[in-house]
Amino acid sequence: MSKKNAKQTEASNDMNTNLLVGYVRKSNAGGALKVSINTSAFGDCATYVTSDGQAYVPLVISLNALSKVLNGERAVTTLSQLQD
């Protein structure tokens, strides 16, 4: 398998292991980030519980994609959960 095909396969595998939960964009005024979460997708997310009994949903945002949103190069990026 060529390096290009291996990278495409790896990217496809990564895409299959992420659950799209919502989107992140910069506010119109530019002083805040707006996070929009799909309630149906959020309900499908895995959770973990801390020692004090609090439940959390671990989510990720790509720093590279977020910096592009903050710099105005992109309008929006994704908010996801990594799936095992």
PDB file of N, CA and C in Angstrom:
ATOM      1  N   MET A   1       0.854  -1.172   0.000  1.00  0.00           N
ATOM      2  CA  MET A   1       0.000   0.000   0.000  1.00  0.00           C
ATOM      3  C   MET A   1       0.904   1.241   0.000  1.00  0.00           C
ATOM      4  N   SER A   2       0.583   2.219  -0.841  1.00  0.00           N
ATOM      5  CA  SER A   2       1.383   3.438  -0.906  1.00  0.00           C
ATOM      6  C   SER A   2       1.167   4.276   0.346  1.00  0.00           C
ATOM      7  N   LYS A   3       2.090   5.227   0.580  1.00  0.00           N
ATOM      8  CA  LYS A   3       1.971   6.097   1.747  1.00  0.00           C
ATOM      9  C   LYS A   3       0.692   6.915   1.677  1.00  0.00           C
ATOM     10  N   LYS A   4       0.343   7.379   0.468  1.00  0.00           N
ATOM     11  CA  LYS A   4      -0.871   8.184   0.303  1.00  0.00           C
ATOM     12  C   LYS A   4      -2.107   7.364   0.669  1.00  0.00           C
ATOM     13  N   ASN A   5      -2.186   6.120   0.163  1.00  0.00           N
ATOM     14  CA  ASN A   5      -3.329   5.267   0.482  1.00  0.00           C
ATOM     15  C   ASN A   5      -3.371   4.913   1.961  1.00  0.00           C
ATOM     16  N   ALA A   6      -2.202   4.703   2.565  1.00  0.00           N
ATOM     17  CA  ALA A   6      -2.146   4.393   3.991  1.00  0.00           C
ATOM     18  C   ALA A   6      -2.670   5.572   4.803  1.00  0.00           C
ATOM     19  N   LYS A   7      -2.298   6.798   4.411  1.00  0.00           N
ATOM     20  CA  LYS A   7      -2.775   7.980   5.129  1.00  0.00           C
ATOM     21  C   LYS A   7      -4.279   8.143   4.953  1.00  0.00           C
ATOM     22  N   GLN A   8      -4.784   7.870   3.735  1.00  0.00           N
ATOM     23  CA  GLN A   8      -6.218   7.988   3.500  1.00  0.00           C
ATOM     24  C   GLN A   8      -6.979   6.954   4.322  1.00  0.00           C
ATOM     25  N   THR A   9      -6.444   5.732   4.406  1.00  0.00           N
ATOM     26  CA  THR A   9      -7.082   4.690   5.201  1.00  0.00           C
ATOM     27  C   THR A   9      -7.057   5.055   6.667  1.00  0.00           C
ATOM     28  N   GLU A  10      -5.918   5.575   7.136  1.00  0.00           N
ATOM     29  CA  GLU A  10      -5.802   6.003   8.528  1.00  0.00           C
ATOM     30  C   GLU A  10      -6.794   7.120   8.821  1.00  0.00           C
ATOM     31  N   ALA A  11      -6.920   8.066   7.905  1.00  0.00           N
ATOM     32  CA  ALA A  11      -7.868   9.166   8.088  1.00  0.00           C
ATOM     33  C   ALA A  11      -9.297   8.636   8.118  1.00  0.00           C
ATOM     34  N   SER A  12      -9.600   7.672   7.254  1.00  0.00           N
ATOM     35  CA  SER A  12     -10.939   7.081   7.245  1.00  0.00           C
ATOM     36  C   SER A  12     -11.221   6.382   8.561  1.00  0.00           C
ATOM     37  N   ASN A  13     -10.226   5.657   9.092  1.00  0.00           N
ATOM     38  CA  ASN A  13     -10.403   4.983  10.371  1.00  0.00           C
ATOM     39  C   ASN A  13     -10.625   5.990  11.480  1.00  0.00           C
ATOM     40  N   ASP A  14      -9.893   7.106  11.454  1.00  0.00           N
ATOM     41  CA  ASP A  14     -10.070   8.142  12.460  1.00  0.00           C
ATOM     42  C   ASP A  14     -11.466   8.739  12.380  1.00  0.00           C
ATOM     43  N   MET A  15     -11.956   8.940  11.161  1.00  0.00           N
ATOM     44  CA  MET A  15     -13.278   9.512  10.992  1.00  0.00           C
ATOM     45  C   MET A  15     -14.347   8.577  11.543  1.00  0.00           C
ATOM     46  N   ASN A  16     -14.125   7.275  11.412  1.00  0.00           N
ATOM     47  CA  ASN A  16     -15.092   6.309  11.903  1.00  0.00           C
ATOM     48  C   ASN A  16     -15.092   6.229  13.424  1.00  0.00           C
ATOM     49  N   THR A  17     -14.049   6.718  14.069  1.00  0.00           N
ATOM     50  CA  THR A  17     -13.955   6.597  15.514  1.00  0.00           C
ATOM     51  C   THR A  17     -14.305   7.893  16.235  1.00  0.00           C
ATOM     52  N   ASN A  18     -14.819   8.865  15.516  1.00  0.00           N
ATOM     53  CA  ASN A  18     -15.231  10.126  16.126  1.00  0.00           C
ATOM     54  C   ASN A  18     -16.733  10.295  15.990  1.00  0.00           C
ATOM     55  N   LEU A  19     -17.357  10.723  17.074  1.00  0.00           N
ATOM     56  CA  LEU A  19     -18.786  11.023  17.056  1.00  0.00           C
ATOM     57  C   LEU A  19     -18.939  12.532  17.000  1.00  0.00           C
ATOM     58  N   LEU A  20     -19.516  13.035  15.923  1.00  0.00           N
ATOM     59  CA  LEU A  20     -19.762  14.470  15.790  1.00  0.00           C
ATOM     60  C   LEU A  20     -20.848  14.869  16.783  1.00  0.00           C
ATOM     61  N   VAL A  21     -20.500  15.806  17.658  1.00  0.00           N
ATOM     62  CA  VAL A  21     -21.426  16.225  18.708  1.00  0.00           C
ATOM     63  C   VAL A  21     -21.953  17.629  18.449  1.00  0.00           C
ATOM     64  N   GLY A  22     -21.151  18.470  17.795  1.00  0.00           N
ATOM     65  CA  GLY A  22     -21.589  19.831  17.545  1.00  0.00           C
ATOM     66  C   GLY A  22     -20.536  20.632  16.822  1.00  0.00           C
ATOM     67  N   TYR A  23     -20.683  21.955  16.894  1.00  0.00           N
ATOM     68  CA  TYR A  23     -19.806  22.870  16.174  1.00  0.00           C
ATOM     69  C   TYR A  23     -19.359  24.000  17.088  1.00  0.00           C
ATOM     70  N   VAL A  24     -18.208  24.566  16.748  1.00  0.00           N
ATOM     71  CA  VAL A  24     -17.663  25.704  17.476  1.00  0.00           C
ATOM     72  C   VAL A  24     -17.382  26.810  16.470  1.00  0.00           C
ATOM     73  N   ARG A  25     -17.813  28.022  16.787  1.00  0.00           N
ATOM     74  CA  ARG A  25     -17.556  29.171  15.922  1.00  0.00           C
ATOM     75  C   ARG A  25     -17.279  30.392  16.779  1.00  0.00           C
ATOM     76  N   LYS A  26     -16.685  31.402  16.185  1.00  0.00           N
ATOM     77  CA  LYS A  26     -16.422  32.652  16.885  1.00  0.00           C
ATOM     78  C   LYS A  26     -17.699  33.484  16.866  1.00  0.00           C
ATOM     79  N   SER A  27     -17.975  34.202  17.952  1.00  0.00           N
ATOM     80  CA  SER A  27     -19.164  35.050  18.006  1.00  0.00           C
ATOM     81  C   SER A  27     -19.039  36.189  17.000  1.00  0.00           C
ATOM     82  N   ASN A  28     -20.151  36.794  16.662  1.00  0.00           N
ATOM     83  CA  ASN A  28     -20.138  37.905  15.706  1.00  0.00           C
ATOM     84  C   ASN A  28     -19.251  39.047  16.182  1.00  0.00           C
ATOM     85  N   ALA A  29     -19.253  39.316  17.479  1.00  0.00           N
ATOM     86  CA  ALA A  29     -18.415  40.384  18.028  1.00  0.00           C
ATOM     87  C   ALA A  29     -16.952  39.950  18.113  1.00  0.00           C
ATOM     88  N   GLY A  30     -16.708  38.653  18.058  1.00  0.00           N
ATOM     89  CA  GLY A  30     -15.346  38.142  18.060  1.00  0.00           C
ATOM     90  C   GLY A  30     -14.729  37.969  19.431  1.00  0.00           C
ATOM     91  N   GLY A  31     -15.479  38.215  20.493  1.00  0.00           N
ATOM     92  CA  GLY A  31     -14.913  38.128  21.825  1.00  0.00           C
ATOM     93  C   GLY A  31     -15.207  36.834  22.559  1.00  0.00           C
ATOM     94  N   ALA A  32     -15.859  35.890  21.878  1.00  0.00           N
ATOM     95  CA  ALA A  32     -16.232  34.639  22.542  1.00  0.00           C
ATOM     96  C   ALA A  32     -16.318  33.517  21.513  1.00  0.00           C
ATOM     97  N   LEU A  33     -16.325  32.294  22.013  1.00  0.00           N
ATOM     98  CA  LEU A  33     -16.587  31.133  21.179  1.00  0.00           C
ATOM     99  C   LEU A  33     -18.011  30.684  21.433  1.00  0.00           C
ATOM    100  N   LYS A  34     -18.730  30.347  20.361  1.00  0.00           N
ATOM    101  CA  LYS A  34     -20.083  29.831  20.482  1.00  0.00           C
ATOM    102  C   LYS A  34     -20.024  28.327  20.236  1.00  0.00           C
ATOM    103  N   VAL A  35     -20.547  27.555  21.165  1.00  0.00           N
ATOM    104  CA  VAL A  35     -20.560  26.104  21.064  1.00  0.00           C
ATOM    105  C   VAL A  35     -21.999  25.657  20.883  1.00  0.00           C
ATOM    106  N   SER A  36     -22.265  24.929  19.806  1.00  0.00           N
ATOM    107  CA  SER A  36     -23.600  24.391  19.535  1.00  0.00           C
ATOM    108  C   SER A  36     -23.514  22.872  19.604  1.00  0.00           C
ATOM    109  N   ILE A  37     -24.293  22.286  20.516  1.00  0.00           N
ATOM    110  CA  ILE A  37     -24.256  20.842  20.729  1.00  0.00           C
ATOM    111  C   ILE A  37     -25.585  20.238  20.295  1.00  0.00           C
ATOM    112  N   ASN A  38     -25.503  19.198  19.484  1.00  0.00           N
ATOM    113  CA  ASN A  38     -26.684  18.458  19.060  1.00  0.00           C
ATOM    114  C   ASN A  38     -27.120  17.577  20.227  1.00  0.00           C
ATOM    115  N   THR A  39     -28.316  17.802  20.748  1.00  0.00           N
ATOM    116  CA  THR A  39     -28.756  17.099  21.951  1.00  0.00           C
ATOM    117  C   THR A  39     -28.884  15.591  21.724  1.00  0.00           C
ATOM    118  N   SER A  40     -29.277  15.191  20.531  1.00  0.00           N
ATOM    119  CA  SER A  40     -29.383  13.767  20.239  1.00  0.00           C
ATOM    120  C   SER A  40     -28.002  13.113  20.250  1.00  0.00           C
ATOM    121  N   ALA A  41     -27.032  13.747  19.608  1.00  0.00           N
ATOM    122  CA  ALA A  41     -25.669  13.214  19.578  1.00  0.00           C
ATOM    123  C   ALA A  41     -25.056  13.230  20.972  1.00  0.00           C
ATOM    124  N   PHE A  42     -25.328  14.275  21.745  1.00  0.00           N
ATOM    125  CA  PHE A  42     -24.788  14.379  23.107  1.00  0.00           C
ATOM    126  C   PHE A  42     -25.291  13.215  23.963  1.00  0.00           C
ATOM    127  N   GLY A  43     -26.540  12.828  23.754  1.00  0.00           N
ATOM    128  CA  GLY A  43     -27.102  11.697  24.487  1.00  0.00           C
ATOM    129  C   GLY A  43     -26.444  10.375  24.138  1.00  0.00           C
ATOM    130  N   ASP A  44     -25.830  10.303  22.951  1.00  0.00           N
ATOM    131  CA  ASP A  44     -25.149   9.081  22.520  1.00  0.00           C
ATOM    132  C   ASP A  44     -23.706   9.014  23.006  1.00  0.00           C
ATOM    133  N   CYS A  45     -23.211  10.068  23.628  1.00  0.00           N
ATOM    134  CA  CYS A  45     -21.815  10.122  24.061  1.00  0.00           C
ATOM    135  C   CYS A  45     -21.555   9.237  25.273  1.00  0.00           C
ATOM    136  N   ALA A  46     -20.348   8.710  25.319  1.00  0.00           N
ATOM    137  CA  ALA A  46     -19.892   7.973  26.497  1.00  0.00           C
ATOM    138  C   ALA A  46     -19.544   8.971  27.590  1.00  0.00           C
ATOM    139  N   THR A  47     -19.673   8.555  28.829  1.00  0.00           N
ATOM    140  CA  THR A  47     -19.360   9.410  29.966  1.00  0.00           C
ATOM    141  C   THR A  47     -18.370   8.708  30.874  1.00  0.00           C
ATOM    142  N   TYR A  48     -17.809   9.466  31.794  1.00  0.00           N
ATOM    143  CA  TYR A  48     -17.020   8.877  32.869  1.00  0.00           C
ATOM    144  C   TYR A  48     -17.412   9.561  34.166  1.00  0.00           C
ATOM    145  N   VAL A  49     -17.177   8.872  35.263  1.00  0.00           N
ATOM    146  CA  VAL A  49     -17.550   9.385  36.575  1.00  0.00           C
ATOM    147  C   VAL A  49     -16.290   9.558  37.410  1.00  0.00           C
ATOM    148  N   THR A  50     -16.174  10.715  38.047  1.00  0.00           N
ATOM    149  CA  THR A  50     -15.018  10.987  38.902  1.00  0.00           C
ATOM    150  C   THR A  50     -15.251  10.394  40.293  1.00  0.00           C
ATOM    151  N   SER A  51     -14.211  10.418  41.102  1.00  0.00           N
ATOM    152  CA  SER A  51     -14.295   9.814  42.438  1.00  0.00           C
ATOM    153  C   SER A  51     -15.337  10.492  43.325  1.00  0.00           C
ATOM    154  N   ASP A  52     -15.690  11.740  43.017  1.00  0.00           N
ATOM    155  CA  ASP A  52     -16.715  12.419  43.818  1.00  0.00           C
ATOM    156  C   ASP A  52     -18.128  12.205  43.278  1.00  0.00           C
ATOM    157  N   GLY A  53     -18.266  11.331  42.267  1.00  0.00           N
ATOM    158  CA  GLY A  53     -19.577  10.968  41.754  1.00  0.00           C
ATOM    159  C   GLY A  53     -20.101  11.840  40.630  1.00  0.00           C
ATOM    160  N   GLN A  54     -19.324  12.825  40.176  1.00  0.00           N
ATOM    161  CA  GLN A  54     -19.749  13.698  39.085  1.00  0.00           C
ATOM    162  C   GLN A  54     -19.523  12.997  37.737  1.00  0.00           C
ATOM    163  N   ALA A  55     -20.489  13.100  36.832  1.00  0.00           N
ATOM    164  CA  ALA A  55     -20.379  12.492  35.499  1.00  0.00           C
ATOM    165  C   ALA A  55     -19.984  13.559  34.484  1.00  0.00           C
ATOM    166  N   TYR A  56     -19.077  13.199  33.582  1.00  0.00           N
ATOM    167  CA  TYR A  56     -18.587  14.111  32.555  1.00  0.00           C
ATOM    168  C   TYR A  56     -18.628  13.441  31.192  1.00  0.00           C
ATOM    169  N   VAL A  57     -18.740  14.272  30.154  1.00  0.00           N
ATOM    170  CA  VAL A  57     -18.680  13.820  28.766  1.00  0.00           C
ATOM    171  C   VAL A  57     -17.387  14.378  28.173  1.00  0.00           C
ATOM    172  N   PRO A  58     -16.414  13.524  27.863  1.00  0.00           N
ATOM    173  CA  PRO A  58     -15.161  14.022  27.289  1.00  0.00           C
ATOM    174  C   PRO A  58     -15.321  14.345  25.799  1.00  0.00           C
ATOM    175  N   LEU A  59     -15.039  15.596  25.430  1.00  0.00           N
ATOM    176  CA  LEU A  59     -15.162  16.059  24.054  1.00  0.00           C
ATOM    177  C   LEU A  59     -13.833  16.647  23.601  1.00  0.00           C
ATOM    178  N   VAL A  60     -13.613  16.680  22.289  1.00  0.00           N
ATOM    179  CA  VAL A  60     -12.365  17.225  21.754  1.00  0.00           C
ATOM    180  C   VAL A  60     -12.640  18.218  20.632  1.00  0.00           C
ATOM    181  N   ILE A  61     -11.728  19.199  20.548  1.00  0.00           N
ATOM    182  CA  ILE A  61     -11.700  20.165  19.454  1.00  0.00           C
ATOM    183  C   ILE A  61     -10.264  20.200  18.965  1.00  0.00           C
ATOM    184  N   SER A  62     -10.055  20.084  17.683  1.00  0.00           N
ATOM    185  CA  SER A  62      -8.711  20.174  17.116  1.00  0.00           C
ATOM    186  C   SER A  62      -8.150  21.570  17.350  1.00  0.00           C
ATOM    187  N   LEU A  63      -6.963  21.643  17.958  1.00  0.00           N
ATOM    188  CA  LEU A  63      -6.333  22.945  18.191  1.00  0.00           C
ATOM    189  C   LEU A  63      -6.007  23.645  16.879  1.00  0.00           C
ATOM    190  N   ASN A  64      -5.580  22.874  15.893  1.00  0.00           N
ATOM    191  CA  ASN A  64      -5.258  23.451  14.594  1.00  0.00           C
ATOM    192  C   ASN A  64      -6.506  24.066  13.951  1.00  0.00           C
ATOM    193  N   ALA A  65      -7.593  23.330  13.951  1.00  0.00           N
ATOM    194  CA  ALA A  65      -8.837  23.838  13.368  1.00  0.00           C
ATOM    195  C   ALA A  65      -9.383  25.009  14.173  1.00  0.00           C
ATOM    196  N   LEU A  66      -9.270  24.945  15.509  1.00  0.00           N
ATOM    197  CA  LEU A  66      -9.754  26.040  16.347  1.00  0.00           C
ATOM    198  C   LEU A  66      -8.952  27.313  16.111  1.00  0.00           C
ATOM    199  N   SER A  67      -7.649  27.179  15.940  1.00  0.00           N
ATOM    200  CA  SER A  67      -6.836  28.375  15.680  1.00  0.00           C
ATOM    201  C   SER A  67      -7.218  29.009  14.349  1.00  0.00           C
ATOM    202  N   LYS A  68      -7.604  28.194  13.364  1.00  0.00           N
ATOM    203  CA  LYS A  68      -8.062  28.738  12.080  1.00  0.00           C
ATOM    204  C   LYS A  68      -9.373  29.493  12.241  1.00  0.00           C
ATOM    205  N   VAL A  69     -10.255  29.005  13.116  1.00  0.00           N
ATOM    206  CA  VAL A  69     -11.505  29.719  13.397  1.00  0.00           C
ATOM    207  C   VAL A  69     -11.190  31.045  14.074  1.00  0.00           C
ATOM    208  N   LEU A  70     -10.299  31.016  15.058  1.00  0.00           N
ATOM    209  CA  LEU A  70      -9.946  32.238  15.783  1.00  0.00           C
ATOM    210  C   LEU A  70      -9.255  33.265  14.888  1.00  0.00           C
ATOM    211  N   ASN A  71      -8.476  32.783  13.900  1.00  0.00           N
ATOM    212  CA  ASN A  71      -7.779  33.679  12.973  1.00  0.00           C
ATOM    213  C   ASN A  71      -8.640  34.119  11.798  1.00  0.00           C
ATOM    214  N   GLY A  72      -9.857  33.607  11.706  1.00  0.00           N
ATOM    215  CA  GLY A  72     -10.753  33.988  10.623  1.00  0.00           C
ATOM    216  C   GLY A  72     -10.541  33.223   9.334  1.00  0.00           C
ATOM    217  N   GLU A  73      -9.694  32.191   9.348  1.00  0.00           N
ATOM    218  CA  GLU A  73      -9.459  31.382   8.146  1.00  0.00           C
ATOM    219  C   GLU A  73     -10.594  30.401   7.888  1.00  0.00           C
ATOM    220  N   ARG A  74     -11.316  30.012   8.944  1.00  0.00           N
ATOM    221  CA  ARG A  74     -12.467  29.118   8.852  1.00  0.00           C
ATOM    222  C   ARG A  74     -13.597  29.719   9.668  1.00  0.00           C
ATOM    223  N   ALA A  75     -14.818  29.435   9.261  1.00  0.00           N
ATOM    224  CA  ALA A  75     -15.972  29.957   9.992  1.00  0.00           C
ATOM    225  C   ALA A  75     -16.356  29.062  11.168  1.00  0.00           C
ATOM    226  N   VAL A  76     -16.094  27.757  11.042  1.00  0.00           N
ATOM    227  CA  VAL A  76     -16.588  26.804  12.032  1.00  0.00           C
ATOM    228  C   VAL A  76     -15.670  25.594  12.081  1.00  0.00           C
ATOM    229  N   THR A  77     -15.648  24.900  13.217  1.00  0.00           N
ATOM    230  CA  THR A  77     -14.973  23.619  13.335  1.00  0.00           C
ATOM    231  C   THR A  77     -15.855  22.700  14.154  1.00  0.00           C
ATOM    232  N   THR A  78     -15.454  21.450  14.253  1.00  0.00           N
ATOM    233  CA  THR A  78     -16.306  20.441  14.888  1.00  0.00           C
ATOM    234  C   THR A  78     -15.954  20.216  16.351  1.00  0.00           C
ATOM    235  N   LEU A  79     -16.926  19.769  17.091  1.00  0.00           N
ATOM    236  CA  LEU A  79     -16.800  19.331  18.460  1.00  0.00           C
ATOM    237  C   LEU A  79     -17.168  17.852  18.440  1.00  0.00           C
ATOM    238  N   SER A  80     -16.243  16.993  18.872  1.00  0.00           N
ATOM    239  CA  SER A  80     -16.441  15.549  18.722  1.00  0.00           C
ATOM    240  C   SER A  80     -16.082  14.804  19.983  1.00  0.00           C
ATOM    241  N   GLN A  81     -16.490  13.532  20.001  1.00  0.00           N
ATOM    242  CA  GLN A  81     -16.038  12.616  21.030  1.00  0.00           C
ATOM    243  C   GLN A  81     -15.297  11.492  20.335  1.00  0.00           C
ATOM    244  N   LEU A  82     -14.110  11.167  20.838  1.00  0.00           N
ATOM    245  CA  LEU A  82     -13.346  10.053  20.302  1.00  0.00           C
ATOM    246  C   LEU A  82     -13.984   8.762  20.779  1.00  0.00           C
ATOM    247  N   GLN A  83     -14.263   7.857  19.859  1.00  0.00           N
ATOM    248  CA  GLN A  83     -14.880   6.581  20.179  1.00  0.00           C
ATOM    249  C   GLN A  83     -13.830   5.477  20.102  1.00  0.00           C
ATOM    250  N   ASP A  84     -13.897   4.527  21.011  1.00  0.00           N
ATOM    251  CA  ASP A  84     -12.936   3.407  21.002  1.00  0.00           C
ATOM    252  C   ASP A  84     -13.367   2.330  20.044  1.00  0.00           C
TER     253      ASP A  84
END
